[in-house]
Amino acid sequence: MAIGAGIVDDDDPIVAVVHEAARRCHRAPGCRHHSLFVSAEERQSPAYAAFWKALASGEFQSGEFRRVAKGGGEVWIFGTYNPVLDAEGKPCAVVKFANDVTSEVNDRRRRAEGLRAIDADIADITKAKTEARRARKRLAQAPRCRSGNGGS
């Protein structure tokens, strides 16, 4: 199948089918809200409300998003949330395209933690060197004691 850059006409029957499917889903009694994929904390956040407000106004959203997996674990996706517009140009549904990027996020976190550990070690080494220099300087400036056992 070749992918082209064709423009879909509003009168195309496929467009009508997609719009009707989206409307049916949103009217369905068992339709569940997207919020089941986010933590309770995120669900209550201003950022999550702004995310849906932007989609409701027709603005697509794209980026890395933390989601809750079926078993309750953490999953990261890179996704785009794309509003579907009705015949009047008003958003009536959202289509999401996403890839699981959990392993990439975990790798990035692991590297960041390694860098933080290295930075902490360098700070400790720098502090120890500074303290050693100060001690050496104090010793150099301290009066020298002479032993009376020199045999003269």
Protein backbone atom coordinates (compact mmCIF):
# COMPACT_ATOMS: atom_id res chain seq x y z
CA MET A 1 0.00 0.00 0.00
CA ALA A 2 1.43 3.36 -1.01
CA ILE A 3 1.05 6.27 1.35
CA GLY A 4 0.13 9.49 -0.37
CA ALA A 5 -0.58 13.03 0.60
CA GLY A 6 -4.15 13.05 -0.57
CA ILE A 7 -6.65 15.46 0.93
CA VAL A 8 -9.84 13.88 2.20
CA ASP A 9 -13.02 15.54 1.03
CA ASP A 10 -15.67 16.18 3.71
CA ASP A 11 -18.16 14.46 1.41
CA ASP A 12 -16.06 11.27 1.39
CA PRO A 13 -18.17 8.43 2.84
CA ILE A 14 -15.19 7.21 4.91
CA VAL A 15 -15.13 10.53 6.79
CA ALA A 16 -18.81 10.10 7.64
CA VAL A 17 -18.19 6.53 8.87
CA VAL A 18 -15.29 7.63 11.11
CA HIS A 19 -17.31 10.52 12.54
CA GLU A 20 -20.32 8.28 13.21
CA ALA A 21 -18.13 5.63 14.88
CA ALA A 22 -16.64 8.28 17.17
CA ARG A 23 -20.11 9.61 18.05
CA ARG A 24 -21.38 6.08 18.81
CA CYS A 25 -18.42 5.39 21.06
CA HIS A 26 -19.00 8.55 23.05
CA ARG A 27 -22.72 7.81 23.43
CA ALA A 28 -22.16 4.17 24.38
CA PRO A 29 -23.28 3.36 27.94
CA GLY A 30 -20.06 1.45 28.71
CA CYS A 31 -17.72 4.11 27.31
CA ARG A 32 -14.91 4.70 29.81
CA HIS A 33 -12.97 7.91 30.23
CA HIS A 34 -9.30 8.25 29.36
CA SER A 35 -8.54 9.15 32.98
CA LEU A 36 -8.40 5.44 33.86
CA PHE A 37 -4.95 5.49 32.20
CA VAL A 38 -3.51 8.13 34.55
CA SER A 39 -2.77 8.20 38.25
CA ALA A 40 -5.28 9.75 40.65
CA GLU A 41 -2.79 12.55 41.33
CA GLU A 42 -2.45 13.38 37.63
CA ARG A 43 -6.22 13.08 37.10
CA GLN A 44 -6.72 15.93 39.61
CA SER A 45 -3.90 18.10 38.25
CA PRO A 46 -4.34 21.42 36.43
CA ALA A 47 -2.06 20.08 33.67
CA TYR A 48 -4.46 17.20 32.93
CA ALA A 49 -7.42 19.58 32.84
CA ALA A 50 -5.49 21.88 30.48
CA PHE A 51 -4.60 18.89 28.28
CA TRP A 52 -8.29 18.08 27.74
CA LYS A 53 -9.30 21.73 27.45
CA ALA A 54 -6.80 22.15 24.61
CA LEU A 55 -8.11 19.01 22.86
CA ALA A 56 -11.70 20.20 23.30
CA SER A 57 -10.77 23.45 21.59
CA GLY A 58 -9.28 21.55 18.64
CA GLU A 59 -5.56 21.74 19.54
CA PHE A 60 -3.57 18.52 19.09
CA GLN A 61 -1.29 17.40 21.90
CA SER A 62 1.99 15.61 21.39
CA GLY A 63 4.75 14.37 23.66
CA GLU A 64 5.86 11.81 26.19
CA PHE A 65 3.15 10.84 28.62
CA ARG A 66 3.19 8.66 31.74
CA ARG A 67 0.28 6.24 31.84
CA VAL A 68 -0.95 3.49 34.16
CA ALA A 69 -0.85 -0.02 32.71
CA LYS A 70 -3.60 -2.59 33.20
CA GLY A 71 -1.84 -4.14 36.21
CA GLY A 72 -1.14 -0.72 37.75
CA GLY A 73 2.48 -0.41 36.58
CA GLU A 74 3.99 2.61 34.93
CA VAL A 75 4.05 2.86 31.13
CA TRP A 76 5.46 5.71 29.07
CA ILE A 77 4.17 6.53 25.61
CA PHE A 78 5.14 8.99 22.95
CA GLY A 79 1.86 9.96 21.44
CA THR A 80 -0.16 12.47 19.53
CA TYR A 81 -3.74 13.17 20.51
CA ASN A 82 -5.57 14.51 17.49
CA PRO A 83 -9.02 16.11 17.65
CA VAL A 84 -11.48 14.90 15.01
CA LEU A 85 -13.69 17.69 13.77
CA ASP A 86 -17.35 17.33 12.85
CA ALA A 87 -19.01 18.85 9.78
CA GLU A 88 -19.20 22.24 11.55
CA GLY A 89 -15.48 22.13 12.35
CA LYS A 90 -16.03 21.45 16.06
CA PRO A 91 -14.08 18.70 17.85
CA CYS A 92 -16.24 15.61 18.33
CA ALA A 93 -13.65 12.94 19.14
CA VAL A 94 -9.94 12.39 19.71
CA VAL A 95 -7.73 9.92 17.90
CA LYS A 96 -4.49 8.92 19.60
CA PHE A 97 -1.42 7.47 17.91
CA ALA A 98 1.19 6.24 20.36
CA ASN A 99 4.30 4.14 20.78
CA ASP A 100 5.48 2.52 24.00
CA VAL A 101 8.72 4.27 24.99
CA THR A 102 8.95 2.86 28.52
CA SER A 103 12.35 1.24 27.95
CA GLU A 104 13.78 4.47 26.49
CA VAL A 105 12.47 6.51 29.44
CA ASN A 106 13.87 3.96 31.92
CA ASP A 107 17.26 4.05 30.12
CA ARG A 108 17.27 7.85 30.23
CA ARG A 109 16.41 7.79 33.96
CA ARG A 110 19.16 5.23 34.64
CA ARG A 111 21.73 7.39 32.81
CA ALA A 112 20.56 10.51 34.66
CA GLU A 113 20.88 8.71 37.99
CA GLY A 114 24.39 7.57 37.01
CA LEU A 115 25.32 11.15 36.15
CA ARG A 116 23.94 12.38 39.48
CA ALA A 117 26.03 9.76 41.29
CA ILE A 118 29.14 10.80 39.35
CA ASP A 119 28.45 14.47 40.13
CA ALA A 120 28.07 13.62 43.84
CA ASP A 121 31.36 11.67 43.76
CA ILE A 122 33.15 14.56 42.04
CA ALA A 123 31.76 16.97 44.65
CA ASP A 124 33.01 14.69 47.45
CA ILE A 125 36.46 14.41 45.83
CA THR A 126 36.64 18.18 45.31
CA LYS A 127 35.68 18.77 48.95
CA ALA A 128 38.29 16.25 50.17
CA LYS A 129 40.99 17.86 48.00
CA THR A 130 40.10 21.32 49.34
CA GLU A 131 40.23 20.10 52.93
CA ALA A 132 43.58 18.36 52.30
CA ARG A 133 45.01 21.57 50.79
CA ARG A 134 43.86 23.58 53.80
CA ALA A 135 45.35 21.03 56.22
CA ARG A 136 48.64 21.03 54.30
CA LYS A 137 48.69 24.84 54.38
CA ARG A 138 48.02 24.87 58.15
CA LEU A 139 50.81 22.36 58.69
CA ALA A 140 53.20 24.41 56.57
CA GLN A 141 52.41 27.52 58.58
CA ALA A 142 52.56 25.86 62.00
CA PRO A 143 55.74 26.47 64.05
CA ARG A 144 58.14 23.61 63.73
CA CYS A 145 58.97 21.78 66.89
CA ARG A 146 62.57 20.87 67.42
CA SER A 147 63.44 17.85 69.37
CA GLY A 148 65.95 18.22 72.22
CA ASN A 149 67.33 14.78 71.46
CA GLY A 150 69.71 15.98 68.78
CA GLY A 151 72.83 14.82 70.65
CA SER A 152 74.67 18.16 70.89
